Amino acid sequence: TIPESTIEAVKELKNKGLKVVAATGRPLSMCS
């Protein structure tokens, strides 16, 4: 699962104007 603290951290990063990029072994179809 995705921890609530990580969800909030991503929101804070974006609110501060930082770019957030997922860098994964997954294909794009599994990133929804």
Full PDB file with SEQRES, HELIX, SHEET, SSBOND, CRYST1, ORIGX, SCALE, CONECT and MASTER records, all heavy atoms in Angstrom:
SEQRES   1 A   32  THR ILE PRO GLU SER THR ILE GLU ALA VAL LYS GLU LEU          
SEQRES   2 A   32  LYS ASN LYS GLY LEU LYS VAL VAL ALA ALA THR GLY ARG          
SEQRES   3 A   32  PRO LEU SER MET CYS SER                                      
HELIX    1 AA1 GLU A    4  ASN A   15  1                                  12    
HELIX    2 AA2 LEU A   28  MET A   30  5                                   3    
CRYST1    1.000    1.000    1.000  90.00  90.00  90.00 P 1           1          
ORIGX1      1.000000  0.000000  0.000000        0.00000                         
ORIGX2      0.000000  1.000000  0.000000        0.00000                         
ORIGX3      0.000000  0.000000  1.000000        0.00000                         
SCALE1      1.000000  0.000000  0.000000        0.00000                         
SCALE2      0.000000  1.000000  0.000000        0.00000                         
SCALE3      0.000000  0.000000  1.000000        0.00000                         
ATOM      1  N   THR A   1       0.847  -1.196   0.000  1.00  0.00           N  
ATOM      2  CA  THR A   1       0.000   0.000   0.000  1.00  0.00           C  
ATOM      3  C   THR A   1       0.885   1.249   0.000  1.00  0.00           C  
ATOM      4  O   THR A   1       2.095   1.166   0.198  1.00  0.00           O  
ATOM      5  CB  THR A   1      -0.904   0.035   1.248  1.00  0.00           C  
ATOM      6  OG1 THR A   1      -0.064   0.047   2.418  1.00  0.00           O  
ATOM      7  CG2 THR A   1      -1.811  -1.185   1.289  1.00  0.00           C  
ATOM      8  N   ILE A   2       0.276   2.404  -0.231  1.00  0.00           N  
ATOM      9  CA  ILE A   2       1.015   3.663  -0.164  1.00  0.00           C  
ATOM     10  C   ILE A   2       0.714   4.315   1.182  1.00  0.00           C  
ATOM     11  O   ILE A   2      -0.435   4.667   1.467  1.00  0.00           O  
ATOM     12  CB  ILE A   2       0.631   4.614  -1.312  1.00  0.00           C  
ATOM     13  CG1 ILE A   2       0.930   3.960  -2.663  1.00  0.00           C  
ATOM     14  CG2 ILE A   2       1.392   5.936  -1.189  1.00  0.00           C  
ATOM     15  CD1 ILE A   2       0.548   4.809  -3.866  1.00  0.00           C  
ATOM     16  N   PRO A   3       1.723   4.464   2.046  1.00  0.00           N  
ATOM     17  CA  PRO A   3       1.485   5.047   3.372  1.00  0.00           C  
ATOM     18  C   PRO A   3       0.945   6.467   3.282  1.00  0.00           C  
ATOM     19  O   PRO A   3       1.295   7.230   2.372  1.00  0.00           O  
ATOM     20  CB  PRO A   3       2.883   5.044   4.010  1.00  0.00           C  
ATOM     21  CG  PRO A   3       3.632   3.975   3.287  1.00  0.00           C  
ATOM     22  CD  PRO A   3       3.118   4.028   1.877  1.00  0.00           C  
ATOM     23  N   GLU A   4       0.090   6.832   4.226  1.00  0.00           N  
ATOM     24  CA  GLU A   4      -0.483   8.171   4.257  1.00  0.00           C  
ATOM     25  C   GLU A   4       0.609   9.231   4.359  1.00  0.00           C  
ATOM     26  O   GLU A   4       0.495  10.312   3.765  1.00  0.00           O  
ATOM     27  CB  GLU A   4      -1.438   8.290   5.448  1.00  0.00           C  
ATOM     28  CG  GLU A   4      -2.264   9.579   5.460  1.00  0.00           C  
ATOM     29  CD  GLU A   4      -3.187   9.709   4.259  1.00  0.00           C  
ATOM     30  OE1 GLU A   4      -3.697   8.676   3.779  1.00  0.00           O  
ATOM     31  OE2 GLU A   4      -3.384  10.850   3.800  1.00  0.00           O  
ATOM     32  N   SER A   5       1.691   8.933   5.087  1.00  0.00           N  
ATOM     33  CA  SER A   5       2.779   9.910   5.223  1.00  0.00           C  
ATOM     34  C   SER A   5       3.433  10.202   3.883  1.00  0.00           C  
ATOM     35  O   SER A   5       3.860  11.340   3.612  1.00  0.00           O  
ATOM     36  CB  SER A   5       3.838   9.386   6.204  1.00  0.00           C  
ATOM     37  OG  SER A   5       4.482   8.232   5.701  1.00  0.00           O  
ATOM     38  N   THR A   6       3.508   9.206   3.014  1.00  0.00           N  
ATOM     39  CA  THR A   6       4.094   9.401   1.683  1.00  0.00           C  
ATOM     40  C   THR A   6       3.166  10.217   0.805  1.00  0.00           C  
ATOM     41  O   THR A   6       3.614  11.098   0.048  1.00  0.00           O  
ATOM     42  CB  THR A   6       4.396   8.035   1.038  1.00  0.00           C  
ATOM     43  OG1 THR A   6       5.332   7.336   1.856  1.00  0.00           O  
ATOM     44  CG2 THR A   6       4.980   8.200  -0.349  1.00  0.00           C  
ATOM     45  N   ILE A   7       1.868   9.954   0.901  1.00  0.00           N  
ATOM     46  CA  ILE A   7       0.878  10.737   0.147  1.00  0.00           C  
ATOM     47  C   ILE A   7       0.984  12.214   0.526  1.00  0.00           C  
ATOM     48  O   ILE A   7       1.024  13.099  -0.346  1.00  0.00           O  
ATOM     49  CB  ILE A   7      -0.546  10.212   0.419  1.00  0.00           C  
ATOM     50  CG1 ILE A   7      -0.698   8.784  -0.131  1.00  0.00           C  
ATOM     51  CG2 ILE A   7      -1.599  11.139  -0.190  1.00  0.00           C  
ATOM     52  CD1 ILE A   7      -2.002   8.102   0.258  1.00  0.00           C  
ATOM     53  N   GLU A   8       1.084  12.484   1.819  1.00  0.00           N  
ATOM     54  CA  GLU A   8       1.177  13.865   2.288  1.00  0.00           C  
ATOM     55  C   GLU A   8       2.516  14.495   1.898  1.00  0.00           C  
ATOM     56  O   GLU A   8       2.586  15.684   1.569  1.00  0.00           O  
ATOM     57  CB  GLU A   8       0.985  13.926   3.805  1.00  0.00           C  
ATOM     58  CG  GLU A   8      -0.433  13.595   4.255  1.00  0.00           C  
ATOM     59  CD  GLU A   8      -1.477  14.489   3.601  1.00  0.00           C  
ATOM     60  OE1 GLU A   8      -1.268  15.718   3.562  1.00  0.00           O  
ATOM     61  OE2 GLU A   8      -2.489  13.954   3.111  1.00  0.00           O  
ATOM     62  N   ALA A   9       3.592  13.700   1.929  1.00  0.00           N  
ATOM     63  CA  ALA A   9       4.912  14.217   1.564  1.00  0.00           C  
ATOM     64  C   ALA A   9       4.943  14.641   0.099  1.00  0.00           C  
ATOM     65  O   ALA A   9       5.511  15.687  -0.247  1.00  0.00           O  
ATOM     66  CB  ALA A   9       5.980  13.157   1.830  1.00  0.00           C  
ATOM     67  N   VAL A  10       4.321  13.848  -0.771  1.00  0.00           N  
ATOM     68  CA  VAL A  10       4.264  14.199  -2.193  1.00  0.00           C  
ATOM     69  C   VAL A  10       3.486  15.496  -2.379  1.00  0.00           C  
ATOM     70  O   VAL A  10       3.890  16.380  -3.154  1.00  0.00           O  
ATOM     71  CB  VAL A  10       3.640  13.052  -3.019  1.00  0.00           C  
ATOM     72  CG1 VAL A  10       3.344  13.515  -4.449  1.00  0.00           C  
ATOM     73  CG2 VAL A  10       4.570  11.847  -3.039  1.00  0.00           C  
ATOM     74  N   LYS A  11       2.382  15.636  -1.644  1.00  0.00           N  
ATOM     75  CA  LYS A  11       1.590  16.872  -1.721  1.00  0.00           C  
ATOM     76  C   LYS A  11       2.418  18.078  -1.284  1.00  0.00           C  
ATOM     77  O   LYS A  11       2.390  19.138  -1.924  1.00  0.00           O  
ATOM     78  CB  LYS A  11       0.341  16.760  -0.841  1.00  0.00           C  
ATOM     79  CG  LYS A  11      -0.748  15.864  -1.387  1.00  0.00           C  
ATOM     80  CD  LYS A  11      -1.943  15.838  -0.441  1.00  0.00           C  
ATOM     81  CE  LYS A  11      -3.030  14.888  -0.935  1.00  0.00           C  
ATOM     82  NZ  LYS A  11      -4.164  14.808   0.028  1.00  0.00           N  
ATOM     83  N   GLU A  12       3.172  17.920  -0.189  1.00  0.00           N  
ATOM     84  CA  GLU A  12       4.000  19.023   0.306  1.00  0.00           C  
ATOM     85  C   GLU A  12       5.085  19.394  -0.693  1.00  0.00           C  
ATOM     86  O   GLU A  12       5.370  20.581  -0.901  1.00  0.00           O  
ATOM     87  CB  GLU A  12       4.611  18.659   1.658  1.00  0.00           C  
ATOM     88  CG  GLU A  12       3.618  18.683   2.807  1.00  0.00           C  
ATOM     89  CD  GLU A  12       4.317  18.679   4.169  1.00  0.00           C  
ATOM     90  OE1 GLU A  12       5.157  19.564   4.402  1.00  0.00           O  
ATOM     91  OE2 GLU A  12       4.006  17.780   4.973  1.00  0.00           O  
ATOM     92  N   LEU A  13       5.698  18.399  -1.293  1.00  0.00           N  
ATOM     93  CA  LEU A  13       6.723  18.669  -2.304  1.00  0.00           C  
ATOM     94  C   LEU A  13       6.136  19.484  -3.453  1.00  0.00           C  
ATOM     95  O   LEU A  13       6.728  20.484  -3.892  1.00  0.00           O  
ATOM     96  CB  LEU A  13       7.303  17.354  -2.844  1.00  0.00           C  
ATOM     97  CG  LEU A  13       8.234  16.575  -1.918  1.00  0.00           C  
ATOM     98  CD1 LEU A  13       8.509  15.189  -2.498  1.00  0.00           C  
ATOM     99  CD2 LEU A  13       9.537  17.323  -1.698  1.00  0.00           C  
ATOM    100  N   LYS A  14       4.980  19.077  -3.940  1.00  0.00           N  
ATOM    101  CA  LYS A  14       4.354  19.769  -5.056  1.00  0.00           C  
ATOM    102  C   LYS A  14       3.914  21.176  -4.645  1.00  0.00           C  
ATOM    103  O   LYS A  14       4.040  22.122  -5.423  1.00  0.00           O  
ATOM    104  CB  LYS A  14       3.178  18.948  -5.589  1.00  0.00           C  
ATOM    105  CG  LYS A  14       3.614  17.653  -6.274  1.00  0.00           C  
ATOM    106  CD  LYS A  14       2.441  16.823  -6.756  1.00  0.00           C  
ATOM    107  CE  LYS A  14       1.680  17.514  -7.884  1.00  0.00           C  
ATOM    108  NZ  LYS A  14       2.471  17.628  -9.109  1.00  0.00           N  
ATOM    109  N   ASN A  15       3.410  21.313  -3.429  1.00  0.00           N  
ATOM    110  CA  ASN A  15       3.001  22.642  -2.952  1.00  0.00           C  
ATOM    111  C   ASN A  15       4.181  23.596  -2.840  1.00  0.00           C  
ATOM    112  O   ASN A  15       4.020  24.819  -2.980  1.00  0.00           O  
ATOM    113  CB  ASN A  15       2.301  22.528  -1.596  1.00  0.00           C  
ATOM    114  CG  ASN A  15       0.911  21.921  -1.699  1.00  0.00           C  
ATOM    115  OD1 ASN A  15       0.306  21.918  -2.776  1.00  0.00           O  
ATOM    116  ND2 ASN A  15       0.396  21.392  -0.601  1.00  0.00           N  
ATOM    117  N   LYS A  16       5.363  23.048  -2.590  1.00  0.00           N  
ATOM    118  CA  LYS A  16       6.566  23.868  -2.503  1.00  0.00           C  
ATOM    119  C   LYS A  16       7.203  24.119  -3.870  1.00  0.00           C  
ATOM    120  O   LYS A  16       8.248  24.756  -3.974  1.00  0.00           O  
ATOM    121  CB  LYS A  16       7.583  23.206  -1.569  1.00  0.00           C  
ATOM    122  CG  LYS A  16       7.229  23.331  -0.093  1.00  0.00           C  
ATOM    123  CD  LYS A  16       8.271  22.644   0.775  1.00  0.00           C  
ATOM    124  CE  LYS A  16       8.011  22.934   2.249  1.00  0.00           C  
ATOM    125  NZ  LYS A  16       8.331  24.321   2.630  1.00  0.00           N  
ATOM    126  N   GLY A  17       6.580  23.569  -4.921  1.00  0.00           N  
ATOM    127  CA  GLY A  17       7.058  23.818  -6.278  1.00  0.00           C  
ATOM    128  C   GLY A  17       8.087  22.839  -6.795  1.00  0.00           C  
ATOM    129  O   GLY A  17       8.676  23.050  -7.863  1.00  0.00           O  
ATOM    130  N   LEU A  18       8.343  21.749  -6.049  1.00  0.00           N  
ATOM    131  CA  LEU A  18       9.291  20.757  -6.525  1.00  0.00           C  
ATOM    132  C   LEU A  18       8.615  19.794  -7.504  1.00  0.00           C  
ATOM    133  O   LEU A  18       7.431  19.475  -7.362  1.00  0.00           O  
ATOM    134  CB  LEU A  18       9.880  19.950  -5.362  1.00  0.00           C  
ATOM    135  CG  LEU A  18      11.022  20.609  -4.582  1.00  0.00           C  
ATOM    136  CD1 LEU A  18      10.484  21.617  -3.572  1.00  0.00           C  
ATOM    137  CD2 LEU A  18      11.873  19.546  -3.877  1.00  0.00           C  
ATOM    138  N   LYS A  19       9.363  19.369  -8.497  1.00  0.00           N  
ATOM    139  CA  LYS A  19       8.888  18.332  -9.402  1.00  0.00           C  
ATOM    140  C   LYS A  19       9.026  16.980  -8.712  1.00  0.00           C  
ATOM    141  O   LYS A  19      10.022  16.716  -8.041  1.00  0.00           O  
ATOM    142  CB  LYS A  19       9.699  18.323 -10.695  1.00  0.00           C  
ATOM    143  CG  LYS A  19       9.541  19.555 -11.563  1.00  0.00           C  
ATOM    144  CD  LYS A  19       8.189  19.579 -12.228  1.00  0.00           C  
ATOM    145  CE  LYS A  19       8.052  20.791 -13.151  1.00  0.00           C  
ATOM    146  NZ  LYS A  19       6.677  20.884 -13.720  1.00  0.00           N  
ATOM    147  N   VAL A  20       8.027  16.131  -8.877  1.00  0.00           N  
ATOM    148  CA  VAL A  20       8.078  14.780  -8.315  1.00  0.00           C  
ATOM    149  C   VAL A  20       7.961  13.796  -9.471  1.00  0.00           C  
ATOM    150  O   VAL A  20       7.012  13.857 -10.257  1.00  0.00           O  
ATOM    151  CB  VAL A  20       6.947  14.539  -7.302  1.00  0.00           C  
ATOM    152  CG1 VAL A  20       7.044  13.119  -6.734  1.00  0.00           C  
ATOM    153  CG2 VAL A  20       7.001  15.566  -6.172  1.00  0.00           C  
ATOM    154  N   VAL A  21       8.945  12.911  -9.579  1.00  0.00           N  
ATOM    155  CA  VAL A  21       9.000  11.956 -10.681  1.00  0.00           C  
ATOM    156  C   VAL A  21       9.025  10.540 -10.122  1.00  0.00           C  
ATOM    157  O   VAL A  21       9.827  10.230  -9.230  1.00  0.00           O  
ATOM    158  CB  VAL A  21      10.263  12.179 -11.546  1.00  0.00           C  
ATOM    159  CG1 VAL A  21      10.296  11.198 -12.722  1.00  0.00           C  
ATOM    160  CG2 VAL A  21      10.325  13.620 -12.048  1.00  0.00           C  
ATOM    161  N   ALA A  22       8.155   9.684 -10.630  1.00  0.00           N  
ATOM    162  CA  ALA A  22       8.218   8.265 -10.281  1.00  0.00           C  
ATOM    163  C   ALA A  22       9.200   7.599 -11.226  1.00  0.00           C  
ATOM    164  O   ALA A  22       9.083   7.729 -12.449  1.00  0.00           O  
ATOM    165  CB  ALA A  22       6.840   7.625 -10.412  1.00  0.00           C  
ATOM    166  N   ALA A  23      10.197   6.914 -10.659  1.00  0.00           N  
ATOM    167  CA  ALA A  23      11.212   6.216 -11.462  1.00  0.00           C  
ATOM    168  C   ALA A  23      11.134   4.738 -11.115  1.00  0.00           C  
ATOM    169  O   ALA A  23      11.601   4.316 -10.060  1.00  0.00           O  
ATOM    170  CB  ALA A  23      12.597   6.770 -11.180  1.00  0.00           C  
ATOM    171  N   THR A  24      10.541   3.961 -11.993  1.00  0.00           N  
ATOM    172  CA  THR A  24      10.103   2.623 -11.616  1.00  0.00           C  
ATOM    173  C   THR A  24      10.440   1.555 -12.644  1.00  0.00           C  
ATOM    174  O   THR A  24      10.667   1.855 -13.823  1.00  0.00           O  
ATOM    175  CB  THR A  24       8.576   2.639 -11.373  1.00  0.00           C  
ATOM    176  OG1 THR A  24       8.115   1.328 -11.056  1.00  0.00           O  
ATOM    177  CG2 THR A  24       7.831   3.134 -12.611  1.00  0.00           C  
ATOM    178  N   GLY A  25      10.455   0.333 -12.187  1.00  0.00           N  
ATOM    179  CA  GLY A  25      10.554  -0.794 -13.094  1.00  0.00           C  
ATOM    180  C   GLY A  25       9.213  -1.132 -13.719  1.00  0.00           C  
ATOM    181  O   GLY A  25       9.142  -1.913 -14.665  1.00  0.00           O  
ATOM    182  N   ARG A  26       8.146  -0.539 -13.211  1.00  0.00           N  
ATOM    183  CA  ARG A  26       6.809  -0.811 -13.745  1.00  0.00           C  
ATOM    184  C   ARG A  26       6.647  -0.234 -15.159  1.00  0.00           C  
ATOM    185  O   ARG A  26       7.290   0.740 -15.519  1.00  0.00           O  
ATOM    186  CB  ARG A  26       5.736  -0.153 -12.871  1.00  0.00           C  
ATOM    187  CG  ARG A  26       5.606  -0.686 -11.476  1.00  0.00           C  
ATOM    188  CD  ARG A  26       4.431  -0.008 -10.796  1.00  0.00           C  
ATOM    189  NE  ARG A  26       4.273  -0.387  -9.396  1.00  0.00           N  
ATOM    190  CZ  ARG A  26       3.222  -0.052  -8.657  1.00  0.00           C  
ATOM    191  NH1 ARG A  26       2.239   0.676  -9.181  1.00  0.00           N  
ATOM    192  NH2 ARG A  26       3.144  -0.432  -7.387  1.00  0.00           N  
ATOM    193  N   PRO A  27       5.714  -0.779 -15.929  1.00  0.00           N  
ATOM    194  CA  PRO A  27       5.301  -0.120 -17.167  1.00  0.00           C  
ATOM    195  C   PRO A  27       4.350   1.024 -16.824  1.00  0.00           C  
ATOM    196  O   PRO A  27       3.806   1.082 -15.713  1.00  0.00           O  
ATOM    197  CB  PRO A  27       4.571  -1.235 -17.929  1.00  0.00           C  
ATOM    198  CG  PRO A  27       4.006  -2.088 -16.838  1.00  0.00           C  
ATOM    199  CD  PRO A  27       5.027  -2.069 -15.734  1.00  0.00           C  
ATOM    200  N   LEU A  28       4.146   1.932 -17.766  1.00  0.00           N  
ATOM    201  CA  LEU A  28       3.293   3.089 -17.511  1.00  0.00           C  
ATOM    202  C   LEU A  28       1.868   2.691 -17.152  1.00  0.00           C  
ATOM    203  O   LEU A  28       1.216   3.347 -16.327  1.00  0.00           O  
ATOM    204  CB  LEU A  28       3.287   4.008 -18.742  1.00  0.00           C  
ATOM    205  CG  LEU A  28       2.622   5.369 -18.576  1.00  0.00           C  
ATOM    206  CD1 LEU A  28       3.324   6.202 -17.500  1.00  0.00           C  
ATOM    207  CD2 LEU A  28       2.624   6.132 -19.898  1.00  0.00           C  
ATOM    208  N   SER A  29       1.393   1.596 -17.728  1.00  0.00           N  
ATOM    209  CA  SER A  29       0.011   1.177 -17.484  1.00  0.00           C  
ATOM    210  C   SER A  29      -0.244   0.806 -16.029  1.00  0.00           C  
ATOM    211  O   SER A  29      -1.393   0.747 -15.591  1.00  0.00           O  
ATOM    212  CB  SER A  29      -0.338  -0.018 -18.383  1.00  0.00           C  
ATOM    213  OG  SER A  29       0.478  -1.130 -18.059  1.00  0.00           O  
ATOM    214  N   MET A  30       0.824   0.569 -15.263  1.00  0.00           N  
ATOM    215  CA  MET A  30       0.669   0.180 -13.862  1.00  0.00           C  
ATOM    216  C   MET A  30       0.967   1.332 -12.909  1.00  0.00           C  
ATOM    217  O   MET A  30       1.302   1.124 -11.744  1.00  0.00           O  
ATOM    218  CB  MET A  30       1.579  -1.008 -13.540  1.00  0.00           C  
ATOM    219  CG  MET A  30       1.150  -2.297 -14.230  1.00  0.00           C  
ATOM    220  SD  MET A  30       2.336  -3.659 -13.981  1.00  0.00           S  
ATOM    221  CE  MET A  30       2.305  -3.790 -12.194  1.00  0.00           C  
ATOM    222  N   CYS A  31       0.822   2.559 -13.410  1.00  0.00           N  
ATOM    223  CA  CYS A  31       1.145   3.733 -12.595  1.00  0.00           C  
ATOM    224  C   CYS A  31      -0.058   4.605 -12.267  1.00  0.00           C  
ATOM    225  O   CYS A  31       0.096   5.741 -11.809  1.00  0.00           O  
ATOM    226  CB  CYS A  31       2.206   4.583 -13.305  1.00  0.00           C  
ATOM    227  SG  CYS A  31       3.823   3.787 -13.441  1.00  0.00           S  
ATOM    228  N   SER A  32      -1.266   4.094 -12.474  1.00  0.00           N  
ATOM    229  CA  SER A  32      -2.461   4.920 -12.278  1.00  0.00           C  
ATOM    230  C   SER A  32      -2.612   5.396 -10.831  1.00  0.00           C  
ATOM    231  O   SER A  32      -3.030   6.520 -10.578  1.00  0.00           O  
ATOM    232  CB  SER A  32      -3.716   4.162 -12.722  1.00  0.00           C  
ATOM    233  OG  SER A  32      -3.828   2.942 -12.016  1.00  0.00           O  
TER     234      SER A  32                                                      
MASTER        0    0    0    2    0    0    0    6  233    1    0    3          
END                                                                             
